[in-house]
Amino acid sequence: MDMEIEQEGNYDKPKKLKNFMSIKSLLILIYSIFFSIGQISGAMLVRIYFLHGGKRKWLQSFLLTAGFPILILPISISYIKKRKIFTNNNNNIRVFVTPKLAIFSAILGILLGICSYLYNFGMSYLPISISSLLGSTSLAFTAIFAYFMVKHKFTDYSVNMVVLMMLGSIILGVHMNRDRLIGESNQRYMLGFVMTLVGAALHGFVNAGVEYSHAKAGVVVTFDLVVQMQFLISMFSALFCIVTMIINKDFQAITREAEELGLGQKKYYMILALTAISLQAMMIGSLGMIFCSSALLFGIVNALLFPIQQIFAVIFLPESFNSDKWMALAMCLWGFASYFYGE
């Protein structure tokens, strides 16, 4: 009889594992959709802000994680459900985020705020077609940092991807004069180029750091843990940006900027609100993908979006797509395809 019960328990294990993998796959799909919509729409809105004379880079950096309080809703719902279950079983509710993970969250949040500023600095001077191609190199940097931090092995395919993406960036840098806006100096354009590339490197470090944090803490990745970590990372990033905005006196300048920009006050505040929503969706999606899978999967999805972003930029914004950009894009896609095939 005992043997029969044991056998039934063994039969249940593959079923439970299958259900767990199905839920995990569904979560990855949902997070991918969130990230895709947020990434494409957010980049367009940020570029529109700068094209119409917006100057507040730390404000745009703050908008990346300004919507973090919305995560209180799923955390609260989960807490209420868990409370009923644990109360019935006379157990205490478990807190998934350990002190070590909280410290990791604070560090990653501050780095994310700096990374966002670097990207916004680049987007204020570069067209989306350039900044997005440079941003795609974050996949290469993610692969490099993941090798050192979480021991993801380098293969011939991943090395090929890193080299091709870097060559694509060099091509864009050599022929940078073709894309400068009228009245924009070479120095500003080059500074935007460098800052975006540094931002991509830091982004790669943050991606690998998120995966490293839960691996180092030795905790099982659950939906509750993912949401709690998302909340903490976003909160620390937002607080860091608020401090820099206070130092930079951005809060006093917002009203004046809304009046002076050609958009009009209503459209100005609407763009800021839509940017915050889009970027928060992007944040939820990116961190969710990393926690549920890996930093490298997030990098792959991120790289997949760049051709789509290029098309949207050419259609809706005053941007062209010349032969140099096609060559750089081809190299990035070739590198991505090589990496995807190898993995």
Foldseek 3Di string as FASTA:
>chain_A
DVVVVVVVVVVVVVVVVVVVVVVLVVLLVLLLVLQLQLVQLLLVLLLVCLVLPHDDLLLLLLLLLVPLVVLVVVLVVVVVVQVVVCVVVVHDDDDQQDPLLLVLLLVLLQLSSLLSSLLSLLSSWFFLLLLLLLLLLLLLLLQVLLCVQVNDDDDPLSVLLNVLSVVLLVLCVVPVVVGGDPPDDPVSNVSSSVSSNVSSNSSSNSQSSLLNSCVVVVGDQDPSNLSVSLSSSSVSNSVSSVVVCVVVVVVVCPVVCQPPGPCHNVSSVVSSVVSSSSSNSSSSSQSSNCSSDRSNVSSLSSLVSSVVSVVCSVVPHVDDQDPSSVSSNVSNVSSSVSNVVVD
